[in-house]
Amino acid sequence: MLDNKVRYLQIAFNYDAALVRHVLPSISPSPRILIEAGTPFIKREGLAGIRLIRSLWRGHVVADIKTSDGALGEVDMVRAAGATAATVLGSSPPEALDLFITRCQQLGMLSMIDMLGVADPLKVVWRLKKPPDVVVLHRGRDEESTYGKMIEYRQGNRVRSKFDVLISAAGGVDLKEARSAIFNGANIVVVNLVQPGDPWEGIPTTGNVAAVALEFLSTIE
């Protein structure tokens, strides 16, 4: 469903439906862009938020649900709402991870394991019956302000040396970090939309989001 020779941009919406309605129609359709229904967005807007994104975007829609248990039901719910990819926490029990990956495969979805807080992603993948489609190296929002806290690209290279998976880089990604992510082997860079006053890096919602998205695509190509 994704080509490991192509570099992708994943744009994360973490606020409300109003922002999605205002911004998403301005982003030019591209097979290299995935639109994410971020965790805060889903908690605020529910499955209706995913359905809204699907109604405005014909490409991949990522439901960042960060499943930790109840994998079958959660994957089914977001797929019914229009998602074509979903996330599960790497810290979840292996049983949950295996069920999540299998259900995503059955439903034609991309399975993404978010390694937020996981010290050894390779160890997580080794324990599985089958690898996911994507391993997400994630520096959490609350970690961005910690001096010296970096996205652990080395861990991604360790995983890819053993498994045929794509690597996604998330957490405080600006243009400079996007270049670094691609240089270090990432296939997908996840960029948050950020509002004035936010302490996080990303694409400002007050600017020309569509133009900046194209700049990111050019940078990571």
N, C-alpha and C. Protein backbone atom coordinates (compact mmCIF):
# COMPACT_ATOMS: atom_id res chain seq x y z
N MET A 1 0.81 -1.22 0.00
CA MET A 1 0.00 0.00 0.00
C MET A 1 0.85 1.27 0.00
N LEU A 2 2.05 1.19 0.57
CA LEU A 2 3.02 2.27 0.47
C LEU A 2 4.28 1.70 -0.13
N ASP A 3 5.02 2.51 -0.88
CA ASP A 3 6.23 2.09 -1.56
C ASP A 3 7.44 2.49 -0.72
N ASN A 4 8.30 1.54 -0.37
CA ASN A 4 9.43 1.86 0.49
C ASN A 4 10.51 2.68 -0.23
N LYS A 5 10.31 2.90 -1.54
CA LYS A 5 11.24 3.76 -2.28
C LYS A 5 10.75 5.20 -2.36
N VAL A 6 9.56 5.44 -1.84
CA VAL A 6 8.94 6.77 -1.87
C VAL A 6 8.98 7.37 -0.47
N ARG A 7 9.13 8.69 -0.39
CA ARG A 7 9.12 9.37 0.91
C ARG A 7 7.79 10.11 1.06
N TYR A 8 7.16 9.91 2.22
CA TYR A 8 5.81 10.40 2.45
C TYR A 8 5.76 11.47 3.54
N LEU A 9 4.78 12.34 3.42
CA LEU A 9 4.49 13.35 4.44
C LEU A 9 3.15 13.03 5.09
N GLN A 10 3.15 12.94 6.41
CA GLN A 10 1.91 12.70 7.16
C GLN A 10 1.60 13.97 7.94
N ILE A 11 0.47 14.59 7.64
CA ILE A 11 0.07 15.84 8.28
C ILE A 11 -0.96 15.53 9.36
N ALA A 12 -0.64 15.92 10.60
CA ALA A 12 -1.48 15.56 11.74
C ALA A 12 -2.37 16.73 12.18
N PHE A 13 -3.67 16.46 12.20
CA PHE A 13 -4.66 17.41 12.74
C PHE A 13 -4.95 17.01 14.18
N ASN A 14 -4.63 17.90 15.12
CA ASN A 14 -4.78 17.58 16.54
C ASN A 14 -5.78 18.48 17.27
N TYR A 15 -6.47 19.34 16.53
CA TYR A 15 -7.36 20.30 17.20
C TYR A 15 -8.83 19.90 17.00
N ASP A 16 -9.57 20.68 16.23
CA ASP A 16 -11.00 20.40 16.13
C ASP A 16 -11.47 20.31 14.68
N ALA A 17 -12.75 20.00 14.53
CA ALA A 17 -13.33 19.83 13.20
C ALA A 17 -13.29 21.13 12.41
N ALA A 18 -13.42 22.27 13.09
CA ALA A 18 -13.41 23.55 12.39
C ALA A 18 -12.09 23.76 11.64
N LEU A 19 -10.98 23.38 12.27
CA LEU A 19 -9.69 23.54 11.62
C LEU A 19 -9.58 22.60 10.42
N VAL A 20 -10.09 21.38 10.56
CA VAL A 20 -10.07 20.45 9.43
C VAL A 20 -10.84 21.03 8.26
N ARG A 21 -12.03 21.57 8.51
CA ARG A 21 -12.85 22.13 7.43
C ARG A 21 -12.16 23.33 6.78
N HIS A 22 -11.42 24.09 7.58
CA HIS A 22 -10.77 25.30 7.07
C HIS A 22 -9.50 24.97 6.27
N VAL A 23 -8.71 24.02 6.75
CA VAL A 23 -7.38 23.78 6.19
C VAL A 23 -7.34 22.65 5.17
N LEU A 24 -7.96 21.53 5.47
CA LEU A 24 -7.77 20.34 4.65
C LEU A 24 -8.14 20.54 3.18
N PRO A 25 -9.23 21.25 2.86
CA PRO A 25 -9.56 21.44 1.43
C PRO A 25 -8.49 22.20 0.65
N SER A 26 -7.62 22.93 1.35
CA SER A 26 -6.59 23.71 0.66
C SER A 26 -5.37 22.88 0.30
N ILE A 27 -5.23 21.68 0.87
CA ILE A 27 -4.06 20.86 0.63
C ILE A 27 -4.26 20.07 -0.67
N SER A 28 -3.32 20.23 -1.58
CA SER A 28 -3.43 19.58 -2.88
C SER A 28 -3.36 18.06 -2.72
N PRO A 29 -4.26 17.34 -3.36
CA PRO A 29 -4.22 15.87 -3.29
C PRO A 29 -2.88 15.34 -3.79
N SER A 30 -2.33 14.38 -3.09
CA SER A 30 -1.06 13.79 -3.48
C SER A 30 -0.97 12.38 -2.90
N PRO A 31 -0.50 11.41 -3.69
CA PRO A 31 -0.32 10.06 -3.16
C PRO A 31 0.79 9.99 -2.13
N ARG A 32 1.56 11.08 -2.00
CA ARG A 32 2.66 11.12 -1.03
C ARG A 32 2.25 11.78 0.28
N ILE A 33 0.99 12.17 0.41
CA ILE A 33 0.50 12.81 1.64
C ILE A 33 -0.51 11.90 2.33
N LEU A 34 -0.26 11.65 3.62
CA LEU A 34 -1.23 10.96 4.47
C LEU A 34 -1.80 12.00 5.44
N ILE A 35 -3.08 11.95 5.68
CA ILE A 35 -3.71 12.87 6.63
C ILE A 35 -4.03 12.11 7.91
N GLU A 36 -3.57 12.64 9.01
CA GLU A 36 -3.75 11.98 10.30
C GLU A 36 -4.85 12.63 11.13
N ALA A 37 -5.74 11.80 11.64
CA ALA A 37 -6.65 12.22 12.70
C ALA A 37 -5.90 11.96 14.00
N GLY A 38 -5.32 13.03 14.56
CA GLY A 38 -4.47 12.89 15.73
C GLY A 38 -5.23 12.44 16.97
N THR A 39 -4.50 11.95 17.95
CA THR A 39 -5.13 11.46 19.18
C THR A 39 -6.01 12.51 19.85
N PRO A 40 -5.50 13.75 20.06
CA PRO A 40 -6.37 14.76 20.69
C PRO A 40 -7.62 15.05 19.85
N PHE A 41 -7.45 15.05 18.53
CA PHE A 41 -8.59 15.31 17.64
C PHE A 41 -9.64 14.22 17.79
N ILE A 42 -9.21 12.96 17.81
CA ILE A 42 -10.17 11.86 17.95
C ILE A 42 -10.85 11.89 19.31
N LYS A 43 -10.10 12.23 20.35
CA LYS A 43 -10.72 12.32 21.68
C LYS A 43 -11.75 13.45 21.74
N ARG A 44 -11.51 14.49 20.96
CA ARG A 44 -12.43 15.63 20.96
C ARG A 44 -13.62 15.38 20.03
N GLU A 45 -13.36 14.84 18.86
CA GLU A 45 -14.40 14.75 17.83
C GLU A 45 -14.95 13.34 17.61
N GLY A 46 -14.26 12.33 18.14
CA GLY A 46 -14.73 10.96 18.00
C GLY A 46 -14.65 10.44 16.57
N LEU A 47 -15.41 9.39 16.31
CA LEU A 47 -15.41 8.79 14.97
C LEU A 47 -15.95 9.76 13.93
N ALA A 48 -16.78 10.69 14.35
CA ALA A 48 -17.29 11.69 13.41
C ALA A 48 -16.16 12.52 12.83
N GLY A 49 -15.12 12.73 13.62
CA GLY A 49 -13.97 13.48 13.13
C GLY A 49 -13.24 12.73 12.03
N ILE A 50 -13.11 11.41 12.19
CA ILE A 50 -12.47 10.61 11.15
C ILE A 50 -13.34 10.63 9.88
N ARG A 51 -14.65 10.52 10.06
CA ARG A 51 -15.54 10.56 8.90
C ARG A 51 -15.44 11.90 8.18
N LEU A 52 -15.27 12.98 8.93
CA LEU A 52 -15.12 14.30 8.31
C LEU A 52 -13.86 14.35 7.45
N ILE A 53 -12.75 13.87 8.00
CA ILE A 53 -11.51 13.86 7.23
C ILE A 53 -11.67 13.02 5.98
N ARG A 54 -12.28 11.84 6.12
CA ARG A 54 -12.50 11.00 4.95
C ARG A 54 -13.33 11.70 3.89
N SER A 55 -14.30 12.48 4.29
CA SER A 55 -15.15 13.17 3.32
C SER A 55 -14.40 14.24 2.55
N LEU A 56 -13.28 14.71 3.10
CA LEU A 56 -12.52 15.79 2.48
C LEU A 56 -11.20 15.33 1.87
N TRP A 57 -10.83 14.07 2.08
CA TRP A 57 -9.53 13.59 1.61
C TRP A 57 -9.69 12.19 1.02
N ARG A 58 -9.21 12.01 -0.21
CA ARG A 58 -9.40 10.75 -0.91
C ARG A 58 -8.23 9.78 -0.70
N GLY A 59 -7.13 10.27 -0.14
CA GLY A 59 -5.97 9.43 0.07
C GLY A 59 -6.00 8.74 1.42
N HIS A 60 -4.82 8.35 1.90
CA HIS A 60 -4.73 7.64 3.17
C HIS A 60 -5.16 8.54 4.34
N VAL A 61 -5.95 7.96 5.23
CA VAL A 61 -6.35 8.61 6.48
C VAL A 61 -5.85 7.74 7.63
N VAL A 62 -5.01 8.33 8.48
CA VAL A 62 -4.42 7.61 9.60
C VAL A 62 -5.19 7.95 10.88
N ALA A 63 -5.71 6.94 11.54
CA ALA A 63 -6.37 7.13 12.84
C ALA A 63 -5.34 6.86 13.93
N ASP A 64 -4.90 7.91 14.58
CA ASP A 64 -3.86 7.77 15.62
C ASP A 64 -4.53 7.42 16.95
N ILE A 65 -5.05 6.20 17.03
CA ILE A 65 -5.81 5.79 18.21
C ILE A 65 -4.93 5.23 19.32
N LYS A 66 -3.67 4.92 18.99
CA LYS A 66 -2.74 4.40 20.00
C LYS A 66 -3.38 3.29 20.83
N THR A 67 -3.90 2.31 20.14
CA THR A 67 -4.53 1.17 20.81
C THR A 67 -3.57 0.52 21.81
N SER A 68 -4.09 0.12 22.95
CA SER A 68 -3.29 -0.62 23.92
C SER A 68 -3.96 -1.95 24.28
N ASP A 69 -5.26 -2.05 24.01
CA ASP A 69 -6.03 -3.26 24.29
C ASP A 69 -7.31 -3.18 23.46
N GLY A 70 -7.99 -4.30 23.34
CA GLY A 70 -9.23 -4.29 22.57
C GLY A 70 -8.99 -3.98 21.10
N ALA A 71 -7.93 -4.56 20.55
CA ALA A 71 -7.47 -4.20 19.22
C ALA A 71 -8.52 -4.42 18.13
N LEU A 72 -9.20 -5.57 18.17
CA LEU A 72 -10.14 -5.89 17.10
C LEU A 72 -11.24 -4.84 16.99
N GLY A 73 -11.85 -4.52 18.11
CA GLY A 73 -12.95 -3.56 18.11
C GLY A 73 -12.51 -2.18 17.67
N GLU A 74 -11.34 -1.75 18.12
CA GLU A 74 -10.88 -0.39 17.79
C GLU A 74 -10.52 -0.28 16.31
N VAL A 75 -9.87 -1.30 15.77
CA VAL A 75 -9.56 -1.26 14.34
C VAL A 75 -10.83 -1.26 13.52
N ASP A 76 -11.80 -2.10 13.89
CA ASP A 76 -13.07 -2.16 13.17
C ASP A 76 -13.77 -0.80 13.18
N MET A 77 -13.76 -0.13 14.32
CA MET A 77 -14.46 1.15 14.44
C MET A 77 -13.87 2.20 13.51
N VAL A 78 -12.54 2.33 13.53
CA VAL A 78 -11.93 3.40 12.72
C VAL A 78 -11.98 3.06 11.23
N ARG A 79 -11.93 1.76 10.91
CA ARG A 79 -12.06 1.39 9.50
C ARG A 79 -13.45 1.73 8.99
N ALA A 80 -14.47 1.47 9.79
CA ALA A 80 -15.84 1.80 9.39
C ALA A 80 -16.02 3.31 9.21
N ALA A 81 -15.23 4.09 9.93
CA ALA A 81 -15.31 5.55 9.82
C ALA A 81 -14.52 6.10 8.65
N GLY A 82 -13.74 5.23 8.00
CA GLY A 82 -13.02 5.68 6.81
C GLY A 82 -11.51 5.68 6.89
N ALA A 83 -10.94 5.27 8.02
CA ALA A 83 -9.48 5.23 8.15
C ALA A 83 -8.89 4.10 7.31
N THR A 84 -7.71 4.35 6.77
CA THR A 84 -6.99 3.32 6.02
C THR A 84 -5.70 2.92 6.72
N ALA A 85 -5.45 3.50 7.88
CA ALA A 85 -4.29 3.16 8.69
C ALA A 85 -4.63 3.48 10.14
N ALA A 86 -3.95 2.79 11.06
CA ALA A 86 -4.20 3.04 12.48
C ALA A 86 -2.94 2.72 13.27
N THR A 87 -2.88 3.25 14.50
CA THR A 87 -1.70 3.06 15.34
C THR A 87 -2.03 2.26 16.59
N VAL A 88 -1.01 1.53 17.04
CA VAL A 88 -1.08 0.77 18.28
C VAL A 88 0.20 1.07 19.05
N LEU A 89 0.13 1.08 20.36
CA LEU A 89 1.31 1.37 21.17
C LEU A 89 2.23 0.15 21.24
N GLY A 90 3.51 0.38 21.02
CA GLY A 90 4.48 -0.70 21.10
C GLY A 90 4.62 -1.29 22.48
N SER A 91 4.18 -0.55 23.49
CA SER A 91 4.22 -1.04 24.87
C SER A 91 3.05 -1.95 25.22
N SER A 92 2.17 -2.18 24.26
CA SER A 92 1.01 -3.05 24.48
C SER A 92 1.46 -4.51 24.57
N PRO A 93 0.62 -5.38 25.16
CA PRO A 93 0.95 -6.81 25.19
C PRO A 93 1.10 -7.36 23.78
N PRO A 94 1.97 -8.34 23.58
CA PRO A 94 2.15 -8.93 22.25
C PRO A 94 0.85 -9.45 21.65
N GLU A 95 -0.04 -9.94 22.51
CA GLU A 95 -1.32 -10.44 22.01
C GLU A 95 -2.11 -9.33 21.32
N ALA A 96 -2.11 -8.16 21.95
CA ALA A 96 -2.84 -7.03 21.37
C ALA A 96 -2.19 -6.60 20.05
N LEU A 97 -0.85 -6.57 20.02
CA LEU A 97 -0.15 -6.18 18.81
C LEU A 97 -0.43 -7.15 17.67
N ASP A 98 -0.39 -8.44 17.96
CA ASP A 98 -0.65 -9.44 16.94
C ASP A 98 -2.08 -9.34 16.40
N LEU A 99 -3.04 -9.17 17.29
CA LEU A 99 -4.42 -9.02 16.85
C LEU A 99 -4.61 -7.76 16.01
N PHE A 100 -3.98 -6.69 16.45
CA PHE A 100 -4.07 -5.41 15.73
C PHE A 100 -3.53 -5.56 14.31
N ILE A 101 -2.34 -6.11 14.17
CA ILE A 101 -1.71 -6.26 12.85
C ILE A 101 -2.54 -7.17 11.95
N THR A 102 -3.02 -8.27 12.50
CA THR A 102 -3.82 -9.21 11.71
C THR A 102 -5.11 -8.57 11.23
N ARG A 103 -5.80 -7.84 12.12
CA ARG A 103 -7.07 -7.21 11.73
C ARG A 103 -6.84 -6.13 10.67
N CYS A 104 -5.79 -5.34 10.84
CA CYS A 104 -5.48 -4.33 9.83
C CYS A 104 -5.26 -4.98 8.47
N GLN A 105 -4.52 -6.06 8.46
CA GLN A 105 -4.26 -6.78 7.22
C GLN A 105 -5.56 -7.30 6.61
N GLN A 106 -6.42 -7.85 7.44
CA GLN A 106 -7.69 -8.38 6.95
C GLN A 106 -8.57 -7.29 6.33
N LEU A 107 -8.47 -6.08 6.86
CA LEU A 107 -9.32 -4.98 6.42
C LEU A 107 -8.63 -4.09 5.39
N GLY A 108 -7.44 -4.48 4.95
CA GLY A 108 -6.73 -3.69 3.94
C GLY A 108 -6.19 -2.38 4.47
N MET A 109 -5.83 -2.36 5.77
CA MET A 109 -5.32 -1.14 6.40
C MET A 109 -3.83 -1.27 6.68
N LEU A 110 -3.17 -0.13 6.81
CA LEU A 110 -1.79 -0.09 7.24
C LEU A 110 -1.74 -0.20 8.76
N SER A 111 -0.91 -1.12 9.25
CA SER A 111 -0.72 -1.23 10.70
C SER A 111 0.54 -0.47 11.09
N MET A 112 0.42 0.40 12.09
CA MET A 112 1.53 1.23 12.52
C MET A 112 1.75 1.04 14.02
N ILE A 113 2.95 0.62 14.41
CA ILE A 113 3.27 0.48 15.82
C ILE A 113 4.02 1.73 16.29
N ASP A 114 3.42 2.46 17.21
CA ASP A 114 4.00 3.67 17.77
C ASP A 114 4.92 3.28 18.93
N MET A 115 6.21 3.56 18.78
CA MET A 115 7.19 3.15 19.77
C MET A 115 7.45 4.23 20.83
N LEU A 116 6.47 5.07 21.09
CA LEU A 116 6.57 6.08 22.13
C LEU A 116 6.94 5.44 23.47
N GLY A 117 8.05 5.85 24.05
CA GLY A 117 8.46 5.34 25.35
C GLY A 117 9.07 3.95 25.33
N VAL A 118 9.25 3.37 24.15
CA VAL A 118 9.83 2.02 24.03
C VAL A 118 11.34 2.15 23.85
N ALA A 119 12.10 1.50 24.72
CA ALA A 119 13.56 1.60 24.67
C ALA A 119 14.17 0.79 23.54
N ASP A 120 13.56 -0.35 23.21
CA ASP A 120 14.13 -1.24 22.21
C ASP A 120 13.03 -1.69 21.23
N PRO A 121 12.75 -0.90 20.20
CA PRO A 121 11.71 -1.28 19.23
C PRO A 121 11.95 -2.62 18.55
N LEU A 122 13.22 -2.96 18.29
CA LEU A 122 13.51 -4.23 17.64
C LEU A 122 13.02 -5.40 18.49
N LYS A 123 13.20 -5.31 19.79
CA LYS A 123 12.74 -6.37 20.69
C LYS A 123 11.23 -6.55 20.59
N VAL A 124 10.51 -5.44 20.46
CA VAL A 124 9.05 -5.52 20.33
C VAL A 124 8.67 -6.27 19.06
N VAL A 125 9.30 -5.91 17.94
CA VAL A 125 8.94 -6.52 16.66
C VAL A 125 9.34 -8.00 16.61
N TRP A 126 10.47 -8.34 17.24
CA TRP A 126 10.92 -9.73 17.27
C TRP A 126 9.86 -10.65 17.89
N ARG A 127 9.11 -10.14 18.85
CA ARG A 127 8.16 -10.97 19.59
C ARG A 127 6.87 -11.22 18.83
N LEU A 128 6.68 -10.56 17.70
CA LEU A 128 5.41 -10.63 16.99
C LEU A 128 5.35 -11.79 16.01
N LYS A 129 4.12 -12.23 15.72
CA LYS A 129 3.94 -13.29 14.73
C LYS A 129 4.26 -12.79 13.33
N LYS A 130 3.98 -11.53 13.08
CA LYS A 130 4.32 -10.90 11.81
C LYS A 130 4.60 -9.43 12.08
N PRO A 131 5.48 -8.79 11.31
CA PRO A 131 5.79 -7.39 11.55
C PRO A 131 4.66 -6.48 11.09
N PRO A 132 4.62 -5.26 11.59
CA PRO A 132 3.62 -4.29 11.12
C PRO A 132 4.07 -3.73 9.77
N ASP A 133 3.24 -2.90 9.18
CA ASP A 133 3.64 -2.19 7.96
C ASP A 133 4.61 -1.05 8.28
N VAL A 134 4.38 -0.40 9.42
CA VAL A 134 5.16 0.80 9.76
C VAL A 134 5.55 0.76 11.23
N VAL A 135 6.80 1.11 11.49
CA VAL A 135 7.27 1.33 12.86
C VAL A 135 7.47 2.83 13.03
N VAL A 136 6.82 3.40 14.03
CA VAL A 136 6.87 4.84 14.26
C VAL A 136 7.85 5.16 15.38
N LEU A 137 8.91 5.89 15.04
CA LEU A 137 9.84 6.40 16.04
C LEU A 137 9.30 7.73 16.52
N HIS A 138 8.90 7.80 17.77
CA HIS A 138 8.09 8.92 18.24
C HIS A 138 8.72 9.60 19.46
N ARG A 139 9.09 10.85 19.27
CA ARG A 139 9.44 11.69 20.42
C ARG A 139 8.16 12.40 20.84
N GLY A 140 7.65 12.06 22.01
CA GLY A 140 6.35 12.55 22.44
C GLY A 140 6.28 14.06 22.61
N ARG A 141 5.07 14.56 22.54
CA ARG A 141 4.84 15.99 22.68
C ARG A 141 5.43 16.52 23.99
N ASP A 142 5.27 15.77 25.07
CA ASP A 142 5.78 16.21 26.37
C ASP A 142 7.29 16.08 26.46
N GLU A 143 7.89 15.37 25.50
CA GLU A 143 9.35 15.20 25.49
C GLU A 143 10.06 16.26 24.67
N GLU A 144 9.33 16.98 23.83
CA GLU A 144 9.95 17.93 22.92
C GLU A 144 10.76 19.01 23.62
N SER A 145 10.32 19.39 24.82
CA SER A 145 11.00 20.46 25.54
C SER A 145 12.19 19.97 26.35
N THR A 146 12.42 18.66 26.36
CA THR A 146 13.55 18.10 27.11
C THR A 146 14.82 18.24 26.28
N TYR A 147 15.79 18.95 26.80
CA TYR A 147 17.02 19.21 26.07
C TYR A 147 17.74 17.90 25.75
N GLY A 148 18.13 17.76 24.49
CA GLY A 148 18.86 16.57 24.08
C GLY A 148 18.01 15.37 23.75
N LYS A 149 16.70 15.48 23.89
CA LYS A 149 15.81 14.35 23.57
C LYS A 149 15.62 14.30 22.06
N MET A 150 16.07 13.24 21.46
CA MET A 150 16.07 13.14 20.01
C MET A 150 15.20 11.98 19.53
N ILE A 151 14.82 12.02 18.26
CA ILE A 151 14.18 10.87 17.63
C ILE A 151 15.27 9.83 17.40
N GLU A 152 15.05 8.61 17.85
CA GLU A 152 16.09 7.58 17.84
C GLU A 152 16.14 6.85 16.48
N TYR A 153 16.73 7.52 15.50
CA TYR A 153 16.81 6.92 14.16
C TYR A 153 17.61 5.63 14.16
N ARG A 154 18.58 5.52 15.04
CA ARG A 154 19.38 4.30 15.12
C ARG A 154 18.50 3.08 15.35
N GLN A 155 17.45 3.26 16.15
CA GLN A 155 16.55 2.15 16.42
C GLN A 155 15.79 1.73 15.17
N GLY A 156 15.46 2.70 14.34
CA GLY A 156 14.78 2.39 13.09
C GLY A 156 15.66 1.58 12.16
N ASN A 157 16.92 1.95 12.09
CA ASN A 157 17.85 1.21 11.24
C ASN A 157 18.05 -0.22 11.75
N ARG A 158 18.03 -0.39 13.07
CA ARG A 158 18.14 -1.74 13.63
C ARG A 158 16.95 -2.60 13.22
N VAL A 159 15.75 -2.01 13.27
CA VAL A 159 14.55 -2.76 12.90
C VAL A 159 14.59 -3.12 11.41
N ARG A 160 14.95 -2.16 10.58
CA ARG A 160 14.95 -2.40 9.14
C ARG A 160 16.02 -3.38 8.70
N SER A 161 17.04 -3.56 9.52
CA SER A 161 18.07 -4.53 9.17
C SER A 161 17.56 -5.97 9.31
N LYS A 162 16.43 -6.12 10.03
CA LYS A 162 15.88 -7.46 10.27
C LYS A 162 14.50 -7.67 9.66
N PHE A 163 13.75 -6.59 9.44
CA PHE A 163 12.36 -6.72 8.99
C PHE A 163 12.07 -5.76 7.84
N ASP A 164 11.20 -6.19 6.96
CA ASP A 164 10.79 -5.36 5.82
C ASP A 164 9.63 -4.48 6.25
N VAL A 165 9.96 -3.38 6.92
CA VAL A 165 8.95 -2.44 7.38
C VAL A 165 9.34 -1.03 6.95
N LEU A 166 8.36 -0.13 6.97
CA LEU A 166 8.64 1.28 6.75
C LEU A 166 8.87 1.95 8.10
N ILE A 167 9.68 3.00 8.10
CA ILE A 167 9.97 3.75 9.32
C ILE A 167 9.35 5.13 9.22
N SER A 168 8.64 5.51 10.27
CA SER A 168 8.02 6.82 10.36
C SER A 168 8.67 7.60 11.50
N ALA A 169 8.92 8.88 11.28
CA ALA A 169 9.52 9.74 12.30
C ALA A 169 8.51 10.80 12.73
N ALA A 170 8.27 10.88 14.05
CA ALA A 170 7.25 11.80 14.55
C ALA A 170 7.74 12.51 15.81
N GLY A 171 7.29 13.74 15.99
CA GLY A 171 7.58 14.46 17.22
C GLY A 171 8.48 15.65 17.02
N GLY A 172 7.89 16.84 16.91
CA GLY A 172 8.68 18.05 16.78
C GLY A 172 9.39 18.16 15.45
N VAL A 173 8.75 17.70 14.39
CA VAL A 173 9.40 17.70 13.07
C VAL A 173 9.16 19.02 12.35
N ASP A 174 10.25 19.74 12.08
CA ASP A 174 10.22 20.90 11.20
C ASP A 174 10.99 20.54 9.94
N LEU A 175 11.26 21.51 9.06
CA LEU A 175 11.94 21.20 7.81
C LEU A 175 13.33 20.62 8.05
N LYS A 176 14.04 21.16 9.01
CA LYS A 176 15.39 20.65 9.32
C LYS A 176 15.33 19.22 9.81
N GLU A 177 14.40 18.94 10.71
CA GLU A 177 14.27 17.58 11.24
C GLU A 177 13.78 16.62 10.16
N ALA A 178 12.94 17.11 9.26
CA ALA A 178 12.47 16.27 8.16
C ALA A 178 13.63 15.83 7.28
N ARG A 179 14.55 16.75 6.98
CA ARG A 179 15.73 16.39 6.19
C ARG A 179 16.57 15.36 6.93
N SER A 180 16.71 15.55 8.24
CA SER A 180 17.48 14.61 9.05
C SER A 180 16.82 13.25 9.07
N ALA A 181 15.49 13.23 9.16
CA ALA A 181 14.75 11.96 9.19
C ALA A 181 14.99 11.16 7.91
N ILE A 182 14.89 11.82 6.77
CA ILE A 182 15.09 11.14 5.50
C ILE A 182 16.53 10.68 5.35
N PHE A 183 17.47 11.52 5.75
CA PHE A 183 18.89 11.16 5.70
C PHE A 183 19.17 9.91 6.53
N ASN A 184 18.43 9.78 7.63
CA ASN A 184 18.63 8.65 8.53
C ASN A 184 17.71 7.46 8.22
N GLY A 185 17.09 7.46 7.07
CA GLY A 185 16.38 6.28 6.60
C GLY A 185 14.88 6.24 6.79
N ALA A 186 14.27 7.33 7.27
CA ALA A 186 12.82 7.32 7.46
C ALA A 186 12.10 7.34 6.11
N ASN A 187 10.97 6.67 6.05
CA ASN A 187 10.11 6.68 4.86
C ASN A 187 9.00 7.71 4.97
N ILE A 188 8.58 7.98 6.22
CA ILE A 188 7.46 8.87 6.48
C ILE A 188 7.88 9.89 7.52
N VAL A 189 7.58 11.16 7.29
CA VAL A 189 7.78 12.17 8.33
C VAL A 189 6.41 12.70 8.73
N VAL A 190 6.17 12.75 10.03
CA VAL A 190 4.89 13.20 10.57
C VAL A 190 5.05 14.62 11.08
N VAL A 191 4.24 15.51 10.54
CA VAL A 191 4.33 16.93 10.89
C VAL A 191 3.00 17.38 11.48
N ASN A 192 3.06 18.00 12.65
CA ASN A 192 1.85 18.49 13.30
C ASN A 192 1.48 19.88 12.80
N LEU A 193 0.19 20.13 12.69
CA LEU A 193 -0.28 21.50 12.54
C LEU A 193 -0.25 22.13 13.93
N VAL A 194 0.30 23.33 14.03
CA VAL A 194 0.43 23.98 15.33
C VAL A 194 -0.21 25.36 15.30
N GLN A 195 -0.82 25.73 16.42
CA GLN A 195 -1.48 27.02 16.53
C GLN A 195 -0.61 28.01 17.30
N PRO A 196 -0.89 29.32 17.18
CA PRO A 196 -0.10 30.33 17.89
C PRO A 196 -0.05 30.04 19.39
N GLY A 197 1.14 30.14 19.95
CA GLY A 197 1.31 29.90 21.38
C GLY A 197 1.70 28.48 21.72
N ASP A 198 1.54 27.57 20.76
CA ASP A 198 1.96 26.18 21.01
C ASP A 198 3.48 26.11 21.15
N PRO A 199 3.99 25.31 22.08
CA PRO A 199 5.44 25.19 22.24
C PRO A 199 6.06 24.14 21.32
N TRP A 200 5.28 23.60 20.37
CA TRP A 200 5.76 22.50 19.55
C TRP A 200 6.10 22.96 18.15
N GLU A 201 6.93 22.16 17.48
CA GLU A 201 7.29 22.44 16.10
C GLU A 201 6.26 21.85 15.15
N GLY A 202 6.17 22.45 13.96
CA GLY A 202 5.25 21.93 12.96
C GLY A 202 4.90 22.98 11.94
N ILE A 203 3.74 22.83 11.31
CA ILE A 203 3.26 23.77 10.31
C ILE A 203 2.27 24.73 10.97
N PRO A 204 2.57 26.02 11.01
CA PRO A 204 1.64 26.97 11.65
C PRO A 204 0.31 27.03 10.92
N THR A 205 -0.77 26.98 11.67
CA THR A 205 -2.10 27.04 11.06
C THR A 205 -2.44 28.43 10.56
N THR A 206 -1.67 29.43 11.00
CA THR A 206 -1.94 30.82 10.60
C THR A 206 -1.32 31.16 9.26
N GLY A 207 -0.46 30.29 8.74
CA GLY A 207 0.18 30.54 7.47
C GLY A 207 -0.48 29.79 6.33
N ASN A 208 0.25 29.69 5.22
CA ASN A 208 -0.24 28.97 4.05
C ASN A 208 0.14 27.51 4.20
N VAL A 209 -0.75 26.74 4.80
CA VAL A 209 -0.46 25.34 5.10
C VAL A 209 -0.17 24.56 3.83
N ALA A 210 -0.93 24.80 2.79
CA ALA A 210 -0.75 24.07 1.54
C ALA A 210 0.64 24.31 0.95
N ALA A 211 1.10 25.56 0.99
CA ALA A 211 2.41 25.87 0.44
C ALA A 211 3.53 25.23 1.26
N VAL A 212 3.38 25.24 2.58
CA VAL A 212 4.40 24.64 3.45
C VAL A 212 4.41 23.12 3.25
N ALA A 213 3.25 22.53 3.05
CA ALA A 213 3.19 21.09 2.79
C ALA A 213 3.97 20.74 1.53
N LEU A 214 3.83 21.54 0.50
CA LEU A 214 4.58 21.31 -0.74
C LEU A 214 6.07 21.47 -0.50
N GLU A 215 6.44 22.42 0.37
CA GLU A 215 7.85 22.61 0.70
C GLU A 215 8.41 21.37 1.41
N PHE A 216 7.60 20.81 2.30
CA PHE A 216 8.03 19.57 2.98
C PHE A 216 8.19 18.44 1.95
N LEU A 217 7.24 18.30 1.04
CA LEU A 217 7.33 17.25 0.04
C LEU A 217 8.59 17.38 -0.80
N SER A 218 8.92 18.62 -1.17
CA SER A 218 10.13 18.86 -1.95
C SER A 218 11.37 18.53 -1.14
N THR A 219 11.35 18.86 0.15
CA THR A 219 12.51 18.64 1.02
C THR A 219 12.81 17.17 1.22
N ILE A 220 11.78 16.36 1.34
CA ILE A 220 12.00 14.93 1.65
C ILE A 220 12.04 14.05 0.42
N GLU A 221 11.87 14.62 -0.75
CA GLU A 221 11.81 13.82 -1.97
C GLU A 221 13.12 13.10 -2.25
